Amino acid sequence: MKARGFPPFGKGVRRARSWWGRTWLQALEDTSLDQTPLRQGRKYATAGLVGTITVSPGRISAPVHDTDDTYQTTVRLAEFTDRQWTRFLAAAAAKAGHLAALLDGEMPRDLADAAADAGVDLLPGIGDLDFECTCPDWELPCRHGAALCHQASWLLDTDPWLLLLLRGRTQEEVVTDARPTPGVLATAAYAADPVPLPPDPPVEDLGALPDFPPTEDFDAEVLSLLVAAAATRARDLLHPGPHPHLTDREDHVRLAATHPTLATRLHADPREVAAWHQAGHLGLSVLDDTRTPPKPDLNRAHTTWTDAELPPAKTWRNRWTVHTGQLRYGPDHRWYPYRKHNGTWWPTGTPNRDPAAALSELPRGVSPGTAGRTRP
């Protein structure tokens, strides 16, 4: 038998405390067209006039005592179909914490949301509760049905499994059926022969870019470059890895770096273009960055510099200067080489996690043997 019985509640004012208990009562209020039976039902519930409550699939029933008689009252809620149970159990098995929370007396809100996304509403909504009572009242629900609904919300507070029982299955059935399907052992998966990849889809020859004729409304040459730039960005997005969102300034520098004919039109700073050539948007951030690195990063930088047996350097924030060469410690823990030209530091070479390798990127004539005397 799937039915469960609960002794009557004594007198006393109680309220639904859980979010699912309050949602149950909201369905009661949304179903009623008259607030009077609801208020009377709340009084009957707190007065202890509801007898032993029986919960079984699709229904809650109890005798409700009134001043003149006792009436048999039933609240019905539709059971899930097999297809609905399959969807609900898949949502429950998708996250281990769902069943753990239920076993701990909690109804995870994200489980109800996931089930709703799969087309299964666990909690009742407007019109989902159906009432039967042997009393002569014509209201729907009557005060006896409202009283039973209030006490049902108290039961749901302490045992959310009753909601699943109403939908048709016991706790044991749900726990058993919601267990994840056993997968393939890793040893067997790695020992299996690799499955051949499907053939590549055919690639249509799109031909050359269209030849835009000059007009007075826009610059056809610039439009052609923008088309090429958009194609390049689309190609880059096919590669795995993060794709940082570029600001307008960063995008201007990118266009100037990848399409030199646009540099003059965009009024691009040559140092910024050089920084983009060095390391993209990270190179551009290192060009401007004068922040002192966090202490763990600073300690790591000192250790790396010492281990590489490099000459003493004049340090200022993230900049380490040796004569006319400079390394800047970037947010990605790489060293960015810079050279001094006409009193200004210019990006040069390729950044490297090894400071010695980064120093070797500096042009010949930059001596690492003497500590710098100039401000970084």
Protein backbone atom coordinates (compact mmCIF):
# COMPACT_ATOMS: atom_id res chain seq x y z
CA MET A 1 0.00 0.00 0.00
CA LYS A 2 1.22 3.47 -0.86
CA ALA A 3 -1.12 5.30 1.53
CA ARG A 4 0.26 7.02 4.63
CA GLY A 5 -1.75 8.12 7.65
CA PHE A 6 -1.09 11.04 10.02
CA PRO A 7 -2.72 11.68 13.41
CA PRO A 8 -4.80 14.83 13.90
CA PHE A 9 -3.08 18.12 14.68
CA GLY A 10 -3.94 19.65 18.03
CA LYS A 11 -5.21 23.16 18.54
CA GLY A 12 -2.76 25.94 17.80
CA VAL A 13 -1.92 28.59 15.26
CA ARG A 14 0.51 27.34 12.63
CA ARG A 15 1.72 28.66 9.32
CA ALA A 16 3.37 27.02 6.34
CA ARG A 17 7.06 27.82 6.70
CA SER A 18 8.64 26.25 3.62
CA TRP A 19 8.50 27.76 0.17
CA TRP A 20 6.78 24.62 -1.17
CA GLY A 21 4.19 24.70 1.63
CA ARG A 22 3.41 28.33 0.84
CA THR A 23 3.19 27.49 -2.88
CA TRP A 24 0.64 24.79 -2.02
CA LEU A 25 -1.48 27.35 -0.15
CA GLN A 26 -1.11 29.82 -3.01
CA ALA A 27 -2.65 27.22 -5.33
CA LEU A 28 -5.56 26.94 -2.86
CA GLU A 29 -6.10 30.71 -2.85
CA ASP A 30 -5.80 30.97 -6.64
CA THR A 31 -8.42 28.24 -7.07
CA SER A 32 -11.02 29.84 -4.80
CA LEU A 33 -13.48 32.50 -5.97
CA ASP A 34 -14.57 33.38 -2.44
CA GLN A 35 -12.25 34.28 0.44
CA THR A 36 -14.82 33.51 3.14
CA PRO A 37 -14.44 29.68 3.04
CA LEU A 38 -10.66 30.13 3.07
CA ARG A 39 -10.76 32.19 6.27
CA GLN A 40 -13.17 29.71 7.87
CA GLY A 41 -11.01 26.80 6.78
CA ARG A 42 -7.93 28.40 8.36
CA LYS A 43 -9.84 28.72 11.65
CA TYR A 44 -10.99 25.08 11.45
CA ALA A 45 -7.41 23.96 10.83
CA THR A 46 -5.95 25.87 13.81
CA ALA A 47 -8.86 24.71 15.99
CA GLY A 48 -7.85 21.08 15.42
CA LEU A 49 -11.11 20.11 13.70
CA VAL A 50 -9.41 17.98 11.03
CA GLY A 51 -9.18 14.29 11.85
CA THR A 52 -6.67 11.67 10.75
CA ILE A 53 -5.18 12.62 7.38
CA THR A 54 -4.52 9.96 4.74
CA VAL A 55 -2.14 10.72 1.87
CA SER A 56 -2.10 8.44 -1.15
CA PRO A 57 -1.34 8.82 -4.87
CA GLY A 58 -3.55 11.53 -6.29
CA ARG A 59 -5.45 12.40 -3.11
CA ILE A 60 -5.45 13.65 0.49
CA SER A 61 -8.49 12.79 2.59
CA ALA A 62 -9.65 13.34 6.16
CA PRO A 63 -12.81 13.75 8.22
CA VAL A 64 -13.44 17.39 9.14
CA HIS A 65 -15.62 18.13 12.17
CA ASP A 66 -18.15 20.94 12.07
CA THR A 67 -20.67 22.26 14.58
CA ASP A 68 -23.41 19.98 13.33
CA ASP A 69 -21.68 16.98 11.77
CA THR A 70 -18.47 15.42 10.48
CA TYR A 71 -17.79 15.48 6.75
CA GLN A 72 -15.49 13.36 4.61
CA THR A 73 -13.25 15.69 2.64
CA THR A 74 -10.84 14.90 -0.20
CA VAL A 75 -8.33 17.06 -2.08
CA ARG A 76 -7.19 15.60 -5.40
CA LEU A 77 -4.02 16.33 -7.38
CA ALA A 78 -3.31 14.63 -10.71
CA GLU A 79 -0.70 11.88 -10.69
CA PHE A 80 2.22 12.07 -13.10
CA THR A 81 2.10 9.95 -16.22
CA ASP A 82 4.99 7.57 -16.91
CA ARG A 83 6.41 10.08 -19.38
CA GLN A 84 6.22 12.88 -16.82
CA TRP A 85 7.93 10.70 -14.22
CA THR A 86 10.71 9.93 -16.70
CA ARG A 87 11.35 13.65 -17.19
CA PHE A 88 11.14 14.43 -13.48
CA LEU A 89 13.51 11.60 -12.51
CA ALA A 90 15.99 12.75 -15.16
CA ALA A 91 15.94 16.23 -13.60
CA ALA A 92 16.39 14.73 -10.11
CA ALA A 93 19.30 12.52 -11.21
CA ALA A 94 21.06 15.37 -13.00
CA LYS A 95 22.37 16.74 -9.70
CA ALA A 96 23.38 14.61 -6.72
CA GLY A 97 22.33 17.31 -4.27
CA HIS A 98 18.67 17.02 -5.28
CA LEU A 99 18.05 13.64 -3.68
CA ALA A 100 20.31 14.49 -0.74
CA ALA A 101 18.22 17.58 -0.02
CA LEU A 102 14.96 15.62 -0.25
CA LEU A 103 16.31 13.00 2.12
CA ASP A 104 17.19 15.85 4.48
CA GLY A 105 13.62 17.14 4.40
CA GLU A 106 14.16 19.94 1.89
CA MET A 107 12.66 20.53 -1.54
CA PRO A 108 15.36 22.16 -3.71
CA ARG A 109 13.90 25.07 -5.61
CA ASP A 110 16.20 24.37 -8.55
CA LEU A 111 14.80 20.81 -8.75
CA ALA A 112 11.27 22.19 -9.12
CA ASP A 113 12.58 24.72 -11.67
CA ALA A 114 14.44 22.01 -13.63
CA ALA A 115 11.34 19.82 -13.66
CA ALA A 116 9.21 22.76 -14.83
CA ASP A 117 11.73 23.43 -17.61
CA ALA A 118 11.23 19.80 -18.66
CA GLY A 119 7.47 20.36 -18.78
CA VAL A 120 6.63 18.79 -15.41
CA ASP A 121 5.13 21.03 -12.71
CA LEU A 122 5.78 19.34 -9.38
CA LEU A 123 3.81 21.81 -7.29
CA PRO A 124 0.15 22.58 -7.98
CA GLY A 125 -0.85 25.79 -9.69
CA ILE A 126 -4.13 27.54 -10.31
CA GLY A 127 -6.93 25.03 -10.93
CA ASP A 128 -4.76 21.96 -10.18
CA LEU A 129 -6.42 21.15 -6.84
CA ASP A 130 -9.82 19.46 -7.01
CA PHE A 131 -12.10 19.19 -3.96
CA GLU A 132 -14.76 16.74 -2.84
CA CYS A 133 -16.75 16.98 0.39
CA THR A 134 -19.93 15.39 1.77
CA CYS A 135 -21.09 18.73 3.20
CA PRO A 136 -24.01 20.61 1.60
CA ASP A 137 -21.95 23.77 0.95
CA TRP A 138 -21.77 24.91 -2.66
CA GLU A 139 -18.44 26.80 -2.46
CA LEU A 140 -15.41 25.29 -4.16
CA PRO A 141 -13.41 24.73 -2.09
CA CYS A 142 -15.67 24.61 0.94
CA ARG A 143 -14.39 25.49 4.40
CA HIS A 144 -13.70 21.81 5.10
CA GLY A 145 -11.54 21.45 1.98
CA ALA A 146 -9.69 24.65 2.88
CA ALA A 147 -9.06 23.33 6.42
CA LEU A 148 -7.64 20.09 5.02
CA CYS A 149 -5.45 22.03 2.58
CA HIS A 150 -4.00 24.16 5.39
CA GLN A 151 -3.07 21.12 7.47
CA ALA A 152 -1.68 19.43 4.34
CA SER A 153 0.71 22.39 3.96
CA TRP A 154 1.93 21.75 7.52
CA LEU A 155 2.62 18.11 6.64
CA LEU A 156 4.45 19.13 3.46
CA ASP A 157 6.62 21.48 5.54
CA THR A 158 8.14 18.54 7.39
CA ASP A 159 7.99 15.93 4.64
CA PRO A 160 8.24 17.08 0.99
CA TRP A 161 8.15 13.41 -0.08
CA LEU A 162 4.39 13.59 0.44
CA LEU A 163 4.19 15.80 -2.62
CA LEU A 164 5.87 13.07 -4.67
CA LEU A 165 3.52 10.49 -3.14
CA LEU A 166 0.59 12.63 -4.26
CA ARG A 167 2.09 12.60 -7.74
CA GLY A 168 2.11 8.79 -7.65
CA ARG A 169 5.36 7.35 -6.26
CA THR A 170 6.81 6.57 -2.84
CA GLN A 171 10.15 7.75 -1.51
CA GLU A 172 11.71 4.32 -2.09
CA GLU A 173 10.54 4.25 -5.71
CA VAL A 174 11.85 7.74 -6.43
CA VAL A 175 15.24 7.09 -4.81
CA THR A 176 15.63 3.84 -6.76
CA ASP A 177 14.49 5.24 -10.10
CA ALA A 178 16.43 8.52 -9.83
CA ARG A 179 19.82 6.87 -9.45
CA PRO A 180 22.12 7.77 -12.34
CA THR A 181 22.43 5.11 -15.01
CA PRO A 182 25.75 3.28 -14.56
CA GLY A 183 28.27 4.45 -17.11
CA VAL A 184 31.11 2.67 -18.85
CA LEU A 185 34.25 2.03 -16.83
CA ALA A 186 37.08 4.38 -17.77
CA THR A 187 39.40 1.41 -18.43
CA ALA A 188 36.93 -0.04 -20.92
CA ALA A 189 36.36 3.32 -22.57
CA TYR A 190 40.07 3.97 -23.06
CA ALA A 191 40.66 0.40 -24.26
CA ALA A 192 38.02 0.69 -26.97
CA ASP A 193 39.07 1.41 -30.52
CA PRO A 194 38.57 5.07 -31.44
CA VAL A 195 35.55 5.75 -33.56
CA PRO A 196 36.44 7.37 -36.88
CA LEU A 197 35.41 10.97 -37.27
CA PRO A 198 32.64 11.75 -39.72
CA PRO A 199 33.71 13.25 -43.02
CA ASP A 200 34.05 17.00 -43.19
CA PRO A 201 31.11 18.76 -44.76
CA PRO A 202 31.70 19.98 -48.29
CA VAL A 203 33.13 23.48 -48.50
CA GLU A 204 31.65 25.70 -51.10
CA ASP A 205 33.98 27.93 -53.04
CA LEU A 206 32.70 31.39 -52.27
CA GLY A 207 35.15 33.01 -54.61
CA ALA A 208 36.87 36.33 -54.10
CA LEU A 209 35.45 39.19 -52.08
CA PRO A 210 33.11 41.41 -54.07
CA ASP A 211 34.66 44.44 -55.69
CA PHE A 212 32.84 47.37 -54.12
CA PRO A 213 32.65 50.34 -56.48
CA PRO A 214 33.56 53.74 -55.01
CA THR A 215 30.67 55.93 -53.92
CA GLU A 216 30.27 59.21 -52.10
CA ASP A 217 28.27 57.63 -49.25
CA PHE A 218 31.02 55.45 -47.82
CA ASP A 219 34.61 54.40 -48.39
CA ALA A 220 34.60 51.12 -50.33
CA GLU A 221 38.19 50.37 -49.32
CA VAL A 222 37.34 50.65 -45.64
CA LEU A 223 34.27 48.45 -46.14
CA SER A 224 36.41 45.77 -47.77
CA LEU A 225 38.80 45.85 -44.83
CA LEU A 226 35.93 45.61 -42.35
CA VAL A 227 34.56 42.58 -44.20
CA ALA A 228 37.98 40.93 -43.99
CA ALA A 229 38.28 41.87 -40.30
CA ALA A 230 34.86 40.35 -39.55
CA ALA A 231 35.86 37.15 -41.33
CA THR A 232 39.05 37.00 -39.27
CA ARG A 233 37.10 37.42 -36.03
CA ALA A 234 34.66 34.70 -37.09
CA ARG A 235 37.56 32.35 -37.81
CA ASP A 236 39.14 33.10 -34.42
CA LEU A 237 35.87 32.25 -32.66
CA LEU A 238 36.08 28.73 -34.08
CA HIS A 239 39.15 28.08 -31.95
CA PRO A 240 38.62 26.82 -28.37
CA GLY A 241 39.54 29.02 -25.46
CA PRO A 242 38.37 32.30 -24.01
CA HIS A 243 37.47 35.08 -26.40
CA PRO A 244 37.73 38.36 -24.49
CA HIS A 245 35.27 41.14 -25.20
CA LEU A 246 37.16 44.06 -26.72
CA THR A 247 36.49 47.67 -25.90
CA ASP A 248 36.17 50.19 -28.75
CA ARG A 249 39.74 51.30 -28.15
CA GLU A 250 41.07 47.73 -28.19
CA ASP A 251 39.15 46.97 -31.36
CA HIS A 252 40.56 50.09 -33.05
CA VAL A 253 44.08 48.97 -32.14
CA ARG A 254 43.33 45.45 -33.40
CA LEU A 255 42.13 46.79 -36.73
CA ALA A 256 45.16 49.05 -37.05
CA ALA A 257 47.50 46.15 -36.21
CA THR A 258 45.92 43.66 -38.58
CA HIS A 259 45.18 46.15 -41.37
CA PRO A 260 48.01 48.71 -41.53
CA THR A 261 46.21 50.77 -44.16
CA LEU A 262 43.62 51.67 -41.51
CA ALA A 263 46.17 52.84 -38.94
CA THR A 264 46.24 56.43 -40.19
CA ARG A 265 42.46 56.67 -40.49
CA LEU A 266 42.03 55.30 -36.95
CA HIS A 267 44.74 57.61 -35.54
CA ALA A 268 46.28 54.59 -33.85
CA ASP A 269 49.18 55.03 -31.43
CA PRO A 270 52.19 53.16 -32.93
CA ARG A 271 53.18 51.89 -29.45
CA GLU A 272 49.71 50.44 -28.97
CA VAL A 273 49.90 48.76 -32.36
CA ALA A 274 53.30 47.29 -31.41
CA ALA A 275 51.82 46.04 -28.11
CA TRP A 276 49.00 44.34 -30.02
CA HIS A 277 51.52 42.68 -32.32
CA GLN A 278 53.35 41.50 -29.21
CA ALA A 279 50.47 39.76 -27.42
CA GLY A 280 47.07 41.00 -28.53
CA HIS A 281 44.79 42.52 -25.90
CA LEU A 282 47.10 41.27 -23.10
CA GLY A 283 50.03 43.09 -24.67
CA LEU A 284 47.92 46.24 -24.79
CA SER A 285 47.02 45.92 -21.11
CA VAL A 286 50.68 45.44 -20.13
CA LEU A 287 51.60 48.61 -22.04
CA ASP A 288 49.37 50.66 -19.74
CA ASP A 289 49.62 48.62 -16.56
CA THR A 290 51.57 50.29 -13.76
CA ARG A 291 49.93 48.48 -10.88
CA THR A 292 51.99 46.68 -8.28
CA PRO A 293 51.34 42.95 -8.71
CA PRO A 294 49.73 41.06 -5.80
CA LYS A 295 52.26 39.91 -3.22
CA PRO A 296 52.17 36.20 -4.28
CA ASP A 297 52.82 37.21 -7.91
CA LEU A 298 55.58 39.59 -6.82
CA ASN A 299 57.26 36.87 -4.77
CA ARG A 300 56.97 34.47 -7.70
CA ALA A 301 58.56 37.06 -9.99
CA HIS A 302 61.49 37.63 -7.60
CA THR A 303 62.04 33.88 -7.27
CA THR A 304 61.93 33.35 -11.04
CA TRP A 305 64.35 36.24 -11.62
CA THR A 306 66.80 34.93 -9.01
CA ASP A 307 66.61 31.34 -10.25
CA ALA A 308 67.46 32.53 -13.76
CA GLU A 309 70.67 34.14 -12.35
CA LEU A 310 69.87 37.43 -14.04
CA PRO A 311 71.72 40.66 -13.18
CA PRO A 312 70.29 43.03 -10.56
CA ALA A 313 67.46 45.10 -11.94
CA LYS A 314 65.82 48.33 -10.93
CA THR A 315 62.25 47.40 -10.04
CA TRP A 316 59.24 49.66 -10.03
CA ARG A 317 55.84 48.07 -9.64
CA ASN A 318 55.60 45.45 -12.42
CA ARG A 319 58.61 46.79 -14.35
CA TRP A 320 62.16 45.42 -14.10
CA THR A 321 64.75 47.55 -15.88
CA VAL A 322 68.25 46.47 -16.87
CA HIS A 323 70.12 49.27 -18.69
CA THR A 324 68.14 50.05 -21.88
CA GLY A 325 66.10 46.87 -21.66
CA GLN A 326 63.02 46.26 -19.58
CA LEU A 327 60.78 43.35 -18.68
CA ARG A 328 57.20 43.88 -17.54
CA TYR A 329 55.46 41.23 -15.48
CA GLY A 330 52.03 40.62 -17.00
CA PRO A 331 48.78 39.40 -15.44
CA ASP A 332 49.31 36.05 -17.18
CA HIS A 333 52.64 35.56 -15.28
CA ARG A 334 54.68 36.13 -18.44
CA TRP A 335 57.54 38.60 -18.89
CA TYR A 336 57.06 41.15 -21.66
CA PRO A 337 60.29 42.53 -23.19
CA TYR A 338 60.58 46.27 -23.89
CA ARG A 339 63.37 48.38 -25.36
CA LYS A 340 64.03 52.07 -24.89
CA HIS A 341 63.91 54.20 -28.04
CA ASN A 342 64.17 57.99 -27.99
CA GLY A 343 63.33 58.03 -24.30
CA THR A 344 60.19 55.88 -24.64
CA TRP A 345 59.68 52.20 -23.87
CA TRP A 346 58.51 50.12 -26.83
CA PRO A 347 57.19 46.53 -26.84
CA THR A 348 59.53 44.18 -28.64
CA GLY A 349 59.85 40.42 -28.99
CA THR A 350 57.65 37.70 -27.53
CA PRO A 351 56.57 37.41 -23.87
CA ASN A 352 57.82 34.38 -21.99
CA ARG A 353 57.38 32.82 -18.54
CA ASP A 354 61.18 32.56 -18.35
CA PRO A 355 62.66 36.03 -17.78
CA ALA A 356 66.01 34.95 -19.24
CA ALA A 357 64.29 33.88 -22.45
CA ALA A 358 62.36 37.16 -22.51
CA LEU A 359 65.60 39.15 -22.07
CA SER A 360 67.11 37.29 -25.00
CA GLU A 361 64.35 38.79 -27.17
CA LEU A 362 65.84 42.25 -26.70
CA PRO A 363 67.84 43.61 -29.65
CA ARG A 364 71.60 43.28 -29.68
CA GLY A 365 73.23 46.22 -28.00
CA VAL A 366 70.91 46.12 -25.01
CA SER A 367 73.27 45.14 -22.27
CA PRO A 368 71.87 43.20 -19.32
CA GLY A 369 75.05 43.67 -17.37
CA THR A 370 74.33 47.02 -15.72
CA ALA A 371 71.39 48.05 -13.61
CA GLY A 372 69.37 50.87 -15.11
CA ARG A 373 69.82 54.46 -13.91
CA THR A 374 66.67 55.85 -15.50
CA ARG A 375 63.13 55.93 -14.22
CA PRO A 376 61.20 52.92 -15.56
